[in-house]
């Protein structure tokens, strides 16, 4: 479990084009991640 102010662990996710994007690709940048529910699921 992360707490407020903790550094995010290293991870990668597929972009909307399907190519992998790593958190480290955005080093020294401000980044906001927005997770949304899969289509046709309650959110």
Protein backbone atom coordinates (compact mmCIF):
# COMPACT_ATOMS: atom_id res chain seq x y z
CA UNK A 1 0.00 0.00 0.00
CA UNK A 2 1.32 3.44 -0.89
CA UNK A 3 0.89 6.44 1.32
CA UNK A 4 0.58 10.08 0.32
CA UNK A 5 4.02 11.34 -0.67
CA UNK A 6 5.47 7.88 -1.44
CA UNK A 7 7.32 7.44 -4.70
CA UNK A 8 5.50 5.28 -7.23
CA UNK A 9 6.97 1.84 -7.90
CA UNK A 10 8.40 1.15 -11.33
CA UNK A 11 5.78 -0.14 -13.76
CA UNK A 12 4.78 -0.19 -17.41
CA UNK A 13 1.38 -0.14 -19.09
CA UNK A 14 0.18 -0.32 -22.68
CA UNK A 15 -0.61 3.06 -24.23
CA UNK A 16 -3.80 3.69 -26.16
CA UNK A 17 -1.87 2.62 -29.28
CA UNK A 18 -0.82 -0.65 -27.59
CA UNK A 19 2.88 0.23 -27.19
CA UNK A 20 4.35 -0.17 -23.69
CA UNK A 21 5.02 3.01 -21.72
CA UNK A 22 7.22 2.93 -18.62
CA UNK A 23 6.96 5.25 -15.67
CA UNK A 24 10.68 5.93 -16.07
CA UNK A 25 9.96 7.42 -19.53
CA UNK A 26 8.62 10.45 -17.64
CA UNK A 27 11.50 10.92 -15.18
CA UNK A 28 11.76 14.51 -13.89
CA UNK A 29 8.28 15.30 -15.24
CA UNK A 30 4.98 15.87 -13.51
CA UNK A 31 2.66 13.02 -14.36
CA UNK A 32 -1.01 12.46 -13.62
CA UNK A 33 -2.42 8.98 -14.11
CA UNK A 34 -6.11 8.55 -14.62
CA UNK A 35 -7.55 5.05 -14.36
CA UNK A 36 -11.06 4.50 -15.60
CA UNK A 37 -13.30 1.44 -15.53
CA UNK A 38 -13.41 -0.93 -18.44
CA UNK A 39 -16.33 -0.34 -20.81
CA UNK A 40 -19.69 -1.70 -19.65
CA UNK A 41 -18.57 -2.06 -16.03
CA UNK A 42 -19.81 -0.06 -13.04
CA UNK A 43 -17.49 2.77 -12.23
